[in-house]
Amino acid sequence: HGPMSLVKAKGVDGAPLVMGKKVAVFTDVEEGQVGLTEKVPFLLEAKMKELGAEVQVADPWNDNAVRDGKLVTGQNPQSSVSVA
């Protein structure tokens, strides 16, 4: 859930930092599979899309790291080595 730290981040122009950026995040499907859909304040994949990010997803629980310039994000714990 590391990319959650980007939800409130803004660029110098005041727009969401992730707007127009390619990102990988814990998916809404994965959140449902761990039974937390109703327990989290929002679904991260949906929130990133709402903020204008281009969310790139892999099948649940597969390694998926995405780089857009200096921004590197991962989908899930399986992505940690690729992100590093």
N, C-alpha and C. Protein backbone atom coordinates (compact mmCIF):
# COMPACT_ATOMS: atom_id res chain seq x y z
N HIS A 1 0.80 -1.20 0.00
CA HIS A 1 0.00 0.00 0.00
C HIS A 1 0.85 1.27 0.00
N GLY A 2 2.13 1.15 -0.33
CA GLY A 2 3.02 2.30 -0.36
C GLY A 2 2.52 3.46 -1.20
N PRO A 3 1.95 3.18 -2.40
CA PRO A 3 1.47 4.29 -3.22
C PRO A 3 0.35 5.11 -2.57
N MET A 4 -0.21 4.61 -1.46
CA MET A 4 -1.24 5.39 -0.76
C MET A 4 -0.67 6.73 -0.31
N SER A 5 0.65 6.78 -0.10
CA SER A 5 1.27 8.04 0.34
C SER A 5 1.17 9.13 -0.73
N LEU A 6 0.84 8.75 -1.95
CA LEU A 6 0.74 9.72 -3.05
C LEU A 6 -0.64 10.34 -3.20
N VAL A 7 -1.63 9.83 -2.47
CA VAL A 7 -3.01 10.28 -2.64
C VAL A 7 -3.16 11.78 -2.42
N LYS A 8 -2.53 12.31 -1.40
CA LYS A 8 -2.67 13.74 -1.10
C LYS A 8 -1.51 14.58 -1.64
N ALA A 9 -0.56 13.95 -2.31
CA ALA A 9 0.59 14.69 -2.84
C ALA A 9 0.17 15.54 -4.02
N LYS A 10 0.67 16.76 -4.05
CA LYS A 10 0.34 17.72 -5.12
C LYS A 10 1.62 18.16 -5.83
N GLY A 11 1.49 18.46 -7.11
CA GLY A 11 2.59 19.03 -7.87
C GLY A 11 2.70 20.51 -7.58
N VAL A 12 3.69 21.16 -8.14
CA VAL A 12 3.87 22.60 -7.90
C VAL A 12 2.68 23.42 -8.40
N ASP A 13 1.93 22.85 -9.35
CA ASP A 13 0.75 23.54 -9.88
C ASP A 13 -0.50 23.29 -9.05
N GLY A 14 -0.37 22.48 -7.99
CA GLY A 14 -1.50 22.19 -7.12
C GLY A 14 -2.34 21.00 -7.56
N ALA A 15 -2.05 20.45 -8.73
CA ALA A 15 -2.77 19.27 -9.23
C ALA A 15 -2.23 18.01 -8.53
N PRO A 16 -3.04 16.96 -8.49
CA PRO A 16 -2.54 15.71 -7.90
C PRO A 16 -1.24 15.28 -8.58
N LEU A 17 -0.27 14.88 -7.78
CA LEU A 17 1.04 14.48 -8.30
C LEU A 17 0.92 13.32 -9.28
N VAL A 18 -0.06 12.45 -9.07
CA VAL A 18 -0.20 11.27 -9.93
C VAL A 18 -0.97 11.54 -11.22
N MET A 19 -1.53 12.72 -11.36
CA MET A 19 -2.33 13.02 -12.55
C MET A 19 -1.48 12.84 -13.81
N GLY A 20 -1.96 11.97 -14.72
CA GLY A 20 -1.26 11.72 -15.96
C GLY A 20 -0.07 10.78 -15.84
N LYS A 21 0.20 10.29 -14.64
CA LYS A 21 1.33 9.38 -14.42
C LYS A 21 0.88 7.93 -14.47
N LYS A 22 1.77 7.07 -14.94
CA LYS A 22 1.54 5.62 -14.90
C LYS A 22 1.94 5.13 -13.52
N VAL A 23 1.05 4.38 -12.89
CA VAL A 23 1.32 3.84 -11.56
C VAL A 23 0.79 2.42 -11.45
N ALA A 24 1.38 1.68 -10.50
CA ALA A 24 0.86 0.37 -10.10
C ALA A 24 0.48 0.50 -8.63
N VAL A 25 -0.67 -0.02 -8.27
CA VAL A 25 -1.15 0.06 -6.89
C VAL A 25 -1.85 -1.24 -6.53
N PHE A 26 -2.03 -1.47 -5.23
CA PHE A 26 -2.82 -2.61 -4.76
C PHE A 26 -4.20 -2.48 -5.38
N THR A 27 -4.63 -3.50 -6.10
CA THR A 27 -5.86 -3.38 -6.88
C THR A 27 -7.12 -3.56 -6.04
N ASP A 28 -8.23 -3.08 -6.59
CA ASP A 28 -9.52 -3.26 -5.92
C ASP A 28 -9.83 -4.75 -5.79
N VAL A 29 -9.46 -5.55 -6.79
CA VAL A 29 -9.68 -7.00 -6.73
C VAL A 29 -8.87 -7.62 -5.59
N GLU A 30 -7.60 -7.24 -5.47
CA GLU A 30 -6.76 -7.78 -4.39
C GLU A 30 -7.31 -7.39 -3.03
N GLU A 31 -7.78 -6.15 -2.90
CA GLU A 31 -8.36 -5.69 -1.64
C GLU A 31 -9.56 -6.56 -1.28
N GLY A 32 -10.38 -6.88 -2.28
CA GLY A 32 -11.53 -7.75 -2.04
C GLY A 32 -11.12 -9.16 -1.65
N GLN A 33 -10.05 -9.65 -2.26
CA GLN A 33 -9.59 -11.01 -1.96
C GLN A 33 -9.06 -11.16 -0.54
N VAL A 34 -8.58 -10.08 0.05
CA VAL A 34 -8.13 -10.15 1.45
C VAL A 34 -9.22 -9.72 2.42
N GLY A 35 -10.41 -9.42 1.89
CA GLY A 35 -11.56 -9.12 2.72
C GLY A 35 -11.55 -7.76 3.40
N LEU A 36 -10.86 -6.79 2.79
CA LEU A 36 -10.78 -5.47 3.43
C LEU A 36 -11.53 -4.37 2.69
N THR A 37 -12.28 -4.72 1.67
CA THR A 37 -12.97 -3.71 0.87
C THR A 37 -13.83 -2.78 1.73
N GLU A 38 -14.51 -3.32 2.71
CA GLU A 38 -15.40 -2.52 3.55
C GLU A 38 -14.68 -1.89 4.74
N LYS A 39 -13.40 -2.22 4.93
CA LYS A 39 -12.67 -1.73 6.10
C LYS A 39 -11.70 -0.60 5.82
N VAL A 40 -11.34 -0.42 4.57
CA VAL A 40 -10.42 0.66 4.22
C VAL A 40 -11.21 1.92 3.88
N PRO A 41 -10.61 3.11 4.09
CA PRO A 41 -11.37 4.34 3.83
C PRO A 41 -11.71 4.56 2.36
N PHE A 42 -10.91 3.98 1.46
CA PHE A 42 -11.19 4.04 0.03
C PHE A 42 -10.36 2.95 -0.65
N LEU A 43 -10.79 2.57 -1.85
CA LEU A 43 -10.04 1.60 -2.64
C LEU A 43 -8.99 2.36 -3.43
N LEU A 44 -7.74 1.95 -3.27
CA LEU A 44 -6.63 2.71 -3.82
C LEU A 44 -6.65 2.78 -5.34
N GLU A 45 -6.95 1.69 -5.99
CA GLU A 45 -7.00 1.71 -7.47
C GLU A 45 -8.04 2.72 -7.95
N ALA A 46 -9.22 2.68 -7.37
CA ALA A 46 -10.29 3.61 -7.75
C ALA A 46 -9.89 5.05 -7.45
N LYS A 47 -9.26 5.28 -6.31
CA LYS A 47 -8.86 6.63 -5.92
C LYS A 47 -7.81 7.19 -6.89
N MET A 48 -6.84 6.35 -7.27
CA MET A 48 -5.81 6.82 -8.20
C MET A 48 -6.41 7.18 -9.56
N LYS A 49 -7.35 6.39 -10.01
CA LYS A 49 -8.03 6.70 -11.27
C LYS A 49 -8.80 8.01 -11.15
N GLU A 50 -9.44 8.21 -10.01
CA GLU A 50 -10.19 9.44 -9.74
C GLU A 50 -9.24 10.65 -9.78
N LEU A 51 -8.00 10.46 -9.35
CA LEU A 51 -7.01 11.54 -9.33
C LEU A 51 -6.33 11.74 -10.69
N GLY A 52 -6.69 10.92 -11.67
CA GLY A 52 -6.15 11.09 -13.01
C GLY A 52 -4.94 10.26 -13.33
N ALA A 53 -4.60 9.30 -12.47
CA ALA A 53 -3.46 8.42 -12.74
C ALA A 53 -3.85 7.38 -13.78
N GLU A 54 -2.85 6.91 -14.52
CA GLU A 54 -3.04 5.80 -15.44
C GLU A 54 -2.60 4.54 -14.70
N VAL A 55 -3.56 3.84 -14.12
CA VAL A 55 -3.25 2.66 -13.30
C VAL A 55 -3.03 1.46 -14.20
N GLN A 56 -1.87 0.85 -14.03
CA GLN A 56 -1.51 -0.34 -14.81
C GLN A 56 -1.53 -1.54 -13.87
N VAL A 57 -2.42 -2.48 -14.14
CA VAL A 57 -2.58 -3.63 -13.24
C VAL A 57 -2.16 -4.93 -13.91
N ALA A 58 -1.66 -5.82 -13.09
CA ALA A 58 -1.36 -7.19 -13.50
C ALA A 58 -2.41 -8.08 -12.85
N ASP A 59 -2.40 -9.35 -13.18
CA ASP A 59 -3.29 -10.28 -12.51
C ASP A 59 -3.02 -10.22 -11.01
N PRO A 60 -4.05 -10.46 -10.19
CA PRO A 60 -3.86 -10.40 -8.74
C PRO A 60 -2.67 -11.22 -8.27
N TRP A 61 -1.91 -10.61 -7.37
CA TRP A 61 -0.79 -11.23 -6.67
C TRP A 61 0.42 -11.51 -7.55
N ASN A 62 0.45 -10.93 -8.75
CA ASN A 62 1.63 -11.05 -9.62
C ASN A 62 2.50 -9.81 -9.46
N ASP A 63 3.77 -10.00 -9.69
CA ASP A 63 4.75 -8.91 -9.66
C ASP A 63 4.39 -7.88 -10.73
N ASN A 64 4.32 -6.62 -10.33
CA ASN A 64 4.03 -5.55 -11.27
C ASN A 64 4.62 -4.25 -10.75
N ALA A 65 5.72 -3.84 -11.35
CA ALA A 65 6.35 -2.56 -11.00
C ALA A 65 6.25 -1.64 -12.21
N VAL A 66 5.97 -0.38 -11.97
CA VAL A 66 5.79 0.59 -13.05
C VAL A 66 6.68 1.80 -12.75
N ARG A 67 7.39 2.24 -13.78
CA ARG A 67 8.21 3.44 -13.65
C ARG A 67 7.68 4.50 -14.62
N ASP A 68 7.50 5.69 -14.09
CA ASP A 68 7.13 6.84 -14.92
C ASP A 68 8.06 7.97 -14.48
N GLY A 69 9.09 8.20 -15.26
CA GLY A 69 10.11 9.18 -14.86
C GLY A 69 10.80 8.70 -13.60
N LYS A 70 10.81 9.54 -12.57
CA LYS A 70 11.45 9.17 -11.30
C LYS A 70 10.49 8.47 -10.34
N LEU A 71 9.23 8.36 -10.73
CA LEU A 71 8.23 7.71 -9.88
C LEU A 71 8.19 6.22 -10.17
N VAL A 72 8.45 5.41 -9.14
CA VAL A 72 8.41 3.96 -9.26
C VAL A 72 7.41 3.42 -8.25
N THR A 73 6.43 2.66 -8.73
CA THR A 73 5.39 2.12 -7.85
C THR A 73 5.22 0.63 -8.09
N GLY A 74 4.70 -0.07 -7.09
CA GLY A 74 4.45 -1.49 -7.19
C GLY A 74 3.04 -1.84 -6.78
N GLN A 75 2.56 -2.94 -7.32
CA GLN A 75 1.17 -3.33 -7.11
C GLN A 75 0.92 -3.99 -5.76
N ASN A 76 1.86 -4.78 -5.28
CA ASN A 76 1.61 -5.61 -4.10
C ASN A 76 2.94 -6.08 -3.52
N PRO A 77 2.93 -6.85 -2.43
CA PRO A 77 4.19 -7.31 -1.86
C PRO A 77 5.06 -8.11 -2.84
N GLN A 78 4.46 -8.79 -3.77
CA GLN A 78 5.22 -9.55 -4.75
C GLN A 78 6.05 -8.64 -5.65
N SER A 79 5.74 -7.38 -5.67
CA SER A 79 6.42 -6.40 -6.53
C SER A 79 7.60 -5.72 -5.85
N SER A 80 7.84 -6.01 -4.59
CA SER A 80 8.83 -5.25 -3.81
C SER A 80 10.24 -5.33 -4.38
N VAL A 81 10.67 -6.49 -4.83
CA VAL A 81 12.02 -6.61 -5.37
C VAL A 81 12.13 -5.82 -6.69
N SER A 82 11.14 -5.92 -7.53
CA SER A 82 11.17 -5.18 -8.80
C SER A 82 11.16 -3.67 -8.58
N VAL A 83 10.45 -3.21 -7.57
CA VAL A 83 10.42 -1.78 -7.26
C VAL A 83 11.77 -1.31 -6.74
N ALA A 84 12.39 -2.15 -5.93
CA ALA A 84 13.70 -1.78 -5.34
C ALA A 84 14.74 -1.67 -6.45
